[in-house]
Amino acid sequence: MSALVGRDYCVKHPLEITRLFGVGVWISMLLNRRASLLEQVVESYSRRAFPMPGYLGRAYKIAALIELRVARIYARMAERFSDHAEAREFFEDLRYEEEEHSRLMTLCLYTVKLRPSVTFIPQISDPKVRGLLQELRGVYRGIDELDLDAALRITEKLEQGEVNVIFDRMLRQNPDTESHFFEAQMQAVEGHSESVPRRIKALRAA
């Protein structure tokens, strides 16, 4: 699996990276061959910046938490089907992508600003959010009982459901240059909507 933006990109685009995130982040990427740029950027912001407080800050924390919950599900599925190489790789790739999504929501927590475009502010008290978190807990607890076909059906539901709706809406209402950079990178590669159905179809055929 490859990072959304990794070391090779940073080596080729030093001016862009230093302009957006600072020379310290760029140097860190040169020294750390395994980290993603998002990991380094979030670490840098957590050391020197203040997260958005109040309802809006909590909304981005909730979005990051939801993505991490899904990442945990995929990590557990990778363990569950560890004797099936293709399935294990599929779920490990999804786990990593969801972790990157969680990091991107954390980056937005530090960069978002109150503006008229910010209208979607989910809270833990929202019935839809509570229901989604309960559903994710239930899925995680039942993974040991799943066969591969059931796990793939759950994956389809997750990728087409409220998790991605929340992520997309939270990301799009924060058009600052830092988060927009990663949004553009995501759009430049094959996304979940194309790759997941294709890989699920291949797993079922095998």
C-alpha atoms as a PDB file:
ATOM      1  CA  MET A   1       0.000   0.000   0.000  1.00  0.00           C
ATOM      2  CA  SER A   2       1.233   3.511  -0.705  1.00  0.00           C
ATOM      3  CA  ALA A   3       0.717   6.773   1.139  1.00  0.00           C
ATOM      4  CA  LEU A   4      -1.671   9.349  -0.252  1.00  0.00           C
ATOM      5  CA  VAL A   5       1.401  11.574  -0.554  1.00  0.00           C
ATOM      6  CA  GLY A   6       4.714   9.916   0.216  1.00  0.00           C
ATOM      7  CA  ARG A   7       8.419  10.661   0.238  1.00  0.00           C
ATOM      8  CA  ASP A   8       8.873  10.431  -3.531  1.00  0.00           C
ATOM      9  CA  TYR A   9       6.335  13.183  -4.166  1.00  0.00           C
ATOM     10  CA  CYS A  10       7.986  15.409  -1.558  1.00  0.00           C
ATOM     11  CA  VAL A  11      11.437  14.905  -3.116  1.00  0.00           C
ATOM     12  CA  LYS A  12      10.067  15.911  -6.530  1.00  0.00           C
ATOM     13  CA  HIS A  13       8.078  18.932  -5.260  1.00  0.00           C
ATOM     14  CA  PRO A  14      10.159  20.609  -2.524  1.00  0.00           C
ATOM     15  CA  LEU A  15       8.898  24.138  -3.184  1.00  0.00           C
ATOM     16  CA  GLU A  16       5.247  23.135  -3.046  1.00  0.00           C
ATOM     17  CA  ILE A  17       5.676  21.144   0.169  1.00  0.00           C
ATOM     18  CA  THR A  18       7.731  23.794   1.960  1.00  0.00           C
ATOM     19  CA  ARG A  19       5.329  26.555   0.879  1.00  0.00           C
ATOM     20  CA  LEU A  20       2.315  24.678   2.205  1.00  0.00           C
ATOM     21  CA  PHE A  21       3.697  22.937   5.274  1.00  0.00           C
ATOM     22  CA  GLY A  22       7.127  24.381   6.065  1.00  0.00           C
ATOM     23  CA  VAL A  23      10.694  23.239   5.607  1.00  0.00           C
ATOM     24  CA  GLY A  24      10.579  21.170   8.808  1.00  0.00           C
ATOM     25  CA  VAL A  25       7.888  18.886   7.401  1.00  0.00           C
ATOM     26  CA  TRP A  26       9.787  18.526   4.132  1.00  0.00           C
ATOM     27  CA  ILE A  27      12.989  17.541   5.962  1.00  0.00           C
ATOM     28  CA  SER A  28      11.039  15.068   8.095  1.00  0.00           C
ATOM     29  CA  MET A  29       9.744  13.424   4.941  1.00  0.00           C
ATOM     30  CA  LEU A  30      13.276  13.094   3.587  1.00  0.00           C
ATOM     31  CA  LEU A  31      14.434  11.414   6.786  1.00  0.00           C
ATOM     32  CA  ASN A  32      11.437   9.131   7.286  1.00  0.00           C
ATOM     33  CA  ARG A  33      10.918   6.846   4.321  1.00  0.00           C
ATOM     34  CA  ARG A  34       7.819   5.113   5.699  1.00  0.00           C
ATOM     35  CA  ALA A  35       5.668   7.990   6.955  1.00  0.00           C
ATOM     36  CA  SER A  36       2.992   9.672   4.880  1.00  0.00           C
ATOM     37  CA  LEU A  37       2.997  13.417   4.419  1.00  0.00           C
ATOM     38  CA  LEU A  38      -0.311  13.556   6.287  1.00  0.00           C
ATOM     39  CA  GLU A  39       1.285  11.901   9.324  1.00  0.00           C
ATOM     40  CA  GLN A  40       4.095  14.454   9.357  1.00  0.00           C
ATOM     41  CA  VAL A  41       1.772  17.416   8.797  1.00  0.00           C
ATOM     42  CA  VAL A  42      -0.646  16.406  11.563  1.00  0.00           C
ATOM     43  CA  GLU A  43       2.264  15.835  13.936  1.00  0.00           C
ATOM     44  CA  SER A  44       3.620  19.288  13.079  1.00  0.00           C
ATOM     45  CA  TYR A  45       0.249  20.990  13.655  1.00  0.00           C
ATOM     46  CA  SER A  46      -0.275  19.151  16.951  1.00  0.00           C
ATOM     47  CA  ARG A  47       3.025  20.583  18.232  1.00  0.00           C
ATOM     48  CA  ARG A  48       2.593  24.209  17.204  1.00  0.00           C
ATOM     49  CA  ALA A  49      -1.052  25.006  16.459  1.00  0.00           C
ATOM     50  CA  PHE A  50      -4.361  25.205  18.297  1.00  0.00           C
ATOM     51  CA  PRO A  51      -7.347  23.103  17.250  1.00  0.00           C
ATOM     52  CA  MET A  52     -10.660  24.765  16.490  1.00  0.00           C
ATOM     53  CA  PRO A  53     -12.607  24.918  19.779  1.00  0.00           C
ATOM     54  CA  GLY A  54     -16.319  24.553  20.409  1.00  0.00           C
ATOM     55  CA  TYR A  55     -18.952  22.760  18.349  1.00  0.00           C
ATOM     56  CA  LEU A  56     -17.026  22.983  15.097  1.00  0.00           C
ATOM     57  CA  GLY A  57     -13.859  21.530  16.599  1.00  0.00           C
ATOM     58  CA  ARG A  58     -15.821  18.690  18.170  1.00  0.00           C
ATOM     59  CA  ALA A  59     -17.446  17.969  14.803  1.00  0.00           C
ATOM     60  CA  TYR A  60     -14.064  17.373  13.172  1.00  0.00           C
ATOM     61  CA  LYS A  61     -12.959  15.247  16.119  1.00  0.00           C
ATOM     62  CA  ILE A  62     -16.084  13.132  15.657  1.00  0.00           C
ATOM     63  CA  ALA A  63     -15.386  12.775  11.923  1.00  0.00           C
ATOM     64  CA  ALA A  64     -11.819  11.662  12.681  1.00  0.00           C
ATOM     65  CA  LEU A  65     -13.141   9.187  15.268  1.00  0.00           C
ATOM     66  CA  ILE A  66     -15.616   7.682  12.802  1.00  0.00           C
ATOM     67  CA  GLU A  67     -12.856   7.144  10.244  1.00  0.00           C
ATOM     68  CA  LEU A  68     -10.688   5.484  12.894  1.00  0.00           C
ATOM     69  CA  ARG A  69     -13.567   3.198  13.880  1.00  0.00           C
ATOM     70  CA  VAL A  70     -13.874   2.046  10.280  1.00  0.00           C
ATOM     71  CA  ALA A  71     -10.101   1.586  10.082  1.00  0.00           C
ATOM     72  CA  ARG A  72     -10.305  -0.701  13.144  1.00  0.00           C
ATOM     73  CA  ILE A  73     -12.993  -2.762  11.429  1.00  0.00           C
ATOM     74  CA  TYR A  74     -10.836  -3.239   8.335  1.00  0.00           C
ATOM     75  CA  ALA A  75      -7.768  -4.063  10.438  1.00  0.00           C
ATOM     76  CA  ARG A  76      -9.753  -6.737  12.257  1.00  0.00           C
ATOM     77  CA  MET A  77     -11.071  -8.108   8.961  1.00  0.00           C
ATOM     78  CA  ALA A  78      -7.496  -8.356   7.676  1.00  0.00           C
ATOM     79  CA  GLU A  79      -6.685 -10.459  10.749  1.00  0.00           C
ATOM     80  CA  ARG A  80      -9.843 -12.519  10.339  1.00  0.00           C
ATOM     81  CA  PHE A  81      -8.909 -13.462   6.768  1.00  0.00           C
ATOM     82  CA  SER A  82      -5.138 -13.590   7.237  1.00  0.00           C
ATOM     83  CA  ASP A  83      -4.993 -16.976   5.475  1.00  0.00           C
ATOM     84  CA  HIS A  84      -6.462 -15.434   2.305  1.00  0.00           C
ATOM     85  CA  ALA A  85      -3.691 -13.285   0.826  1.00  0.00           C
ATOM     86  CA  GLU A  86      -5.825 -11.199  -1.541  1.00  0.00           C
ATOM     87  CA  ALA A  87      -8.520 -10.518   1.055  1.00  0.00           C
ATOM     88  CA  ARG A  88      -5.952  -9.649   3.711  1.00  0.00           C
ATOM     89  CA  GLU A  89      -4.246  -7.172   1.372  1.00  0.00           C
ATOM     90  CA  PHE A  90      -7.608  -5.645   0.403  1.00  0.00           C
ATOM     91  CA  PHE A  91      -8.639  -5.006   3.992  1.00  0.00           C
ATOM     92  CA  GLU A  92      -5.183  -3.760   4.959  1.00  0.00           C
ATOM     93  CA  ASP A  93      -5.307  -1.241   2.107  1.00  0.00           C
ATOM     94  CA  LEU A  94      -8.741  -0.065   3.227  1.00  0.00           C
ATOM     95  CA  ARG A  95      -7.521   0.198   6.819  1.00  0.00           C
ATOM     96  CA  TYR A  96      -4.649   2.438   5.766  1.00  0.00           C
ATOM     97  CA  GLU A  97      -6.880   4.629   3.597  1.00  0.00           C
ATOM     98  CA  GLU A  98      -9.331   5.148   6.460  1.00  0.00           C
ATOM     99  CA  GLU A  99      -6.448   6.050   8.784  1.00  0.00           C
ATOM    100  CA  GLU A 100      -5.367   8.665   6.250  1.00  0.00           C
ATOM    101  CA  HIS A 101      -8.934   9.973   6.157  1.00  0.00           C
ATOM    102  CA  SER A 102      -8.856  10.291   9.935  1.00  0.00           C
ATOM    103  CA  ARG A 103      -5.601  12.236   9.716  1.00  0.00           C
ATOM    104  CA  LEU A 104      -7.148  14.535   7.117  1.00  0.00           C
ATOM    105  CA  MET A 105     -10.079  15.281   9.429  1.00  0.00           C
ATOM    106  CA  THR A 106      -7.544  16.011  12.178  1.00  0.00           C
ATOM    107  CA  LEU A 107      -5.720  18.400   9.846  1.00  0.00           C
ATOM    108  CA  CYS A 108      -9.037  20.139   9.154  1.00  0.00           C
ATOM    109  CA  LEU A 109      -9.497  20.477  12.913  1.00  0.00           C
ATOM    110  CA  TYR A 110      -6.421  22.727  12.940  1.00  0.00           C
ATOM    111  CA  THR A 111      -7.075  24.620   9.697  1.00  0.00           C
ATOM    112  CA  VAL A 112     -10.857  25.108   9.505  1.00  0.00           C
ATOM    113  CA  LYS A 113     -12.237  28.600  10.001  1.00  0.00           C
ATOM    114  CA  LEU A 114     -15.711  29.842  10.792  1.00  0.00           C
ATOM    115  CA  ARG A 115     -17.198  31.021   7.524  1.00  0.00           C
ATOM    116  CA  PRO A 116     -20.627  31.018   5.842  1.00  0.00           C
ATOM    117  CA  SER A 117     -19.783  27.799   3.958  1.00  0.00           C
ATOM    118  CA  VAL A 118     -19.506  25.890   7.246  1.00  0.00           C
ATOM    119  CA  THR A 119     -23.030  24.604   7.712  1.00  0.00           C
ATOM    120  CA  PHE A 120     -22.532  20.899   8.452  1.00  0.00           C
ATOM    121  CA  ILE A 121     -21.557  20.451  12.108  1.00  0.00           C
ATOM    122  CA  PRO A 122     -22.466  16.920  13.288  1.00  0.00           C
ATOM    123  CA  GLN A 123     -22.467  16.335  17.033  1.00  0.00           C
ATOM    124  CA  ILE A 124     -22.302  13.237  19.193  1.00  0.00           C
ATOM    125  CA  SER A 125     -25.835  14.054  20.393  1.00  0.00           C
ATOM    126  CA  ASP A 126     -27.224  13.738  16.849  1.00  0.00           C
ATOM    127  CA  PRO A 127     -29.296  10.535  16.579  1.00  0.00           C
ATOM    128  CA  LYS A 128     -27.760   9.758  13.187  1.00  0.00           C
ATOM    129  CA  VAL A 129     -24.208  10.043  14.544  1.00  0.00           C
ATOM    130  CA  ARG A 130     -25.013   8.000  17.662  1.00  0.00           C
ATOM    131  CA  GLY A 131     -26.659   5.363  15.526  1.00  0.00           C
ATOM    132  CA  LEU A 132     -23.676   5.192  13.179  1.00  0.00           C
ATOM    133  CA  LEU A 133     -21.195   4.769  16.055  1.00  0.00           C
ATOM    134  CA  GLN A 134     -23.371   2.026  17.568  1.00  0.00           C
ATOM    135  CA  GLU A 135     -23.566   0.297  14.197  1.00  0.00           C
ATOM    136  CA  LEU A 136     -19.775   0.398  13.814  1.00  0.00           C
ATOM    137  CA  ARG A 137     -19.304  -1.060  17.303  1.00  0.00           C
ATOM    138  CA  GLY A 138     -21.715  -3.855  16.435  1.00  0.00           C
ATOM    139  CA  VAL A 139     -19.877  -4.647  13.199  1.00  0.00           C
ATOM    140  CA  TYR A 140     -16.529  -4.770  15.007  1.00  0.00           C
ATOM    141  CA  ARG A 141     -17.822  -7.132  17.683  1.00  0.00           C
ATOM    142  CA  GLY A 142     -19.232  -9.543  15.116  1.00  0.00           C
ATOM    143  CA  ILE A 143     -16.230  -9.857  12.802  1.00  0.00           C
ATOM    144  CA  ASP A 144     -15.092 -13.220  14.184  1.00  0.00           C
ATOM    145  CA  GLU A 145     -18.383 -14.773  13.021  1.00  0.00           C
ATOM    146  CA  LEU A 146     -18.196 -13.491   9.441  1.00  0.00           C
ATOM    147  CA  ASP A 147     -17.358 -15.435   6.330  1.00  0.00           C
ATOM    148  CA  LEU A 148     -15.679 -13.557   3.494  1.00  0.00           C
ATOM    149  CA  ASP A 149     -18.866 -12.894   1.546  1.00  0.00           C
ATOM    150  CA  ALA A 150     -20.524 -11.333   4.605  1.00  0.00           C
ATOM    151  CA  ALA A 151     -17.433  -9.206   5.245  1.00  0.00           C
ATOM    152  CA  LEU A 152     -17.527  -7.985   1.651  1.00  0.00           C
ATOM    153  CA  ARG A 153     -21.214  -7.101   1.955  1.00  0.00           C
ATOM    154  CA  ILE A 154     -20.436  -5.047   5.069  1.00  0.00           C
ATOM    155  CA  THR A 155     -17.594  -3.351   3.215  1.00  0.00           C
ATOM    156  CA  GLU A 156     -19.918  -2.393   0.369  1.00  0.00           C
ATOM    157  CA  LYS A 157     -22.380  -0.933   2.861  1.00  0.00           C
ATOM    158  CA  LEU A 158     -19.683   1.035   4.677  1.00  0.00           C
ATOM    159  CA  GLU A 159     -18.219   2.454   1.483  1.00  0.00           C
ATOM    160  CA  GLN A 160     -21.627   3.515   0.175  1.00  0.00           C
ATOM    161  CA  GLY A 161     -23.019   4.761   3.473  1.00  0.00           C
ATOM    162  CA  GLU A 162     -23.013   7.622   5.940  1.00  0.00           C
ATOM    163  CA  VAL A 163     -19.312   7.324   6.829  1.00  0.00           C
ATOM    164  CA  ASN A 164     -18.195   8.638   3.445  1.00  0.00           C
ATOM    165  CA  VAL A 165     -21.010  11.197   3.337  1.00  0.00           C
ATOM    166  CA  ILE A 166     -19.785  12.741   6.593  1.00  0.00           C
ATOM    167  CA  PHE A 167     -16.154  12.683   5.449  1.00  0.00           C
ATOM    168  CA  ASP A 168     -16.902  14.291   2.087  1.00  0.00           C
ATOM    169  CA  ARG A 169     -19.098  17.047   3.526  1.00  0.00           C
ATOM    170  CA  MET A 170     -16.644  17.878   6.306  1.00  0.00           C
ATOM    171  CA  LEU A 171     -13.745  18.045   3.849  1.00  0.00           C
ATOM    172  CA  ARG A 172     -15.495  20.145   1.209  1.00  0.00           C
ATOM    173  CA  GLN A 173     -16.556  22.857   3.638  1.00  0.00           C
ATOM    174  CA  ASN A 174     -12.904  23.463   4.611  1.00  0.00           C
ATOM    175  CA  PRO A 175     -11.326  24.831   1.413  1.00  0.00           C
ATOM    176  CA  ASP A 176      -8.085  26.037   3.021  1.00  0.00           C
ATOM    177  CA  THR A 177      -4.954  25.336   1.013  1.00  0.00           C
ATOM    178  CA  GLU A 178      -3.611  22.579   3.272  1.00  0.00           C
ATOM    179  CA  SER A 179      -6.694  20.357   3.165  1.00  0.00           C
ATOM    180  CA  HIS A 180      -7.405  21.289  -0.481  1.00  0.00           C
ATOM    181  CA  PHE A 181      -3.947  19.962  -1.411  1.00  0.00           C
ATOM    182  CA  PHE A 182      -4.810  16.515  -0.052  1.00  0.00           C
ATOM    183  CA  GLU A 183      -8.313  16.619  -1.532  1.00  0.00           C
ATOM    184  CA  ALA A 184      -6.772  17.248  -4.949  1.00  0.00           C
ATOM    185  CA  GLN A 185      -4.369  14.345  -4.446  1.00  0.00           C
ATOM    186  CA  MET A 186      -7.274  12.030  -3.597  1.00  0.00           C
ATOM    187  CA  GLN A 187      -9.129  13.083  -6.729  1.00  0.00           C
ATOM    188  CA  ALA A 188      -6.049  12.415  -8.851  1.00  0.00           C
ATOM    189  CA  VAL A 189      -5.952   8.708  -7.994  1.00  0.00           C
ATOM    190  CA  GLU A 190      -8.513   5.943  -8.351  1.00  0.00           C
ATOM    191  CA  GLY A 191     -10.982   6.430  -5.507  1.00  0.00           C
ATOM    192  CA  HIS A 192     -13.017   4.141  -3.318  1.00  0.00           C
ATOM    193  CA  SER A 193     -16.022   4.343  -5.640  1.00  0.00           C
ATOM    194  CA  GLU A 194     -14.051   2.701  -8.469  1.00  0.00           C
ATOM    195  CA  SER A 195     -11.455   0.539  -6.748  1.00  0.00           C
ATOM    196  CA  VAL A 196     -13.543  -1.069  -4.005  1.00  0.00           C
ATOM    197  CA  PRO A 197     -16.293  -2.538  -6.242  1.00  0.00           C
ATOM    198  CA  ARG A 198     -13.665  -3.773  -8.693  1.00  0.00           C
ATOM    199  CA  ARG A 199     -11.630  -5.508  -6.000  1.00  0.00           C
ATOM    200  CA  ILE A 200     -14.709  -6.960  -4.317  1.00  0.00           C
ATOM    201  CA  LYS A 201     -15.825  -8.393  -7.655  1.00  0.00           C
ATOM    202  CA  ALA A 202     -12.387  -9.961  -8.148  1.00  0.00           C
ATOM    203  CA  LEU A 203     -12.427 -11.488  -4.649  1.00  0.00           C
ATOM    204  CA  ARG A 204     -15.850 -12.999  -5.219  1.00  0.00           C
ATOM    205  CA  ALA A 205     -14.803 -14.385  -8.589  1.00  0.00           C
ATOM    206  CA  ALA A 206     -11.775 -16.050  -6.997  1.00  0.00           C
END
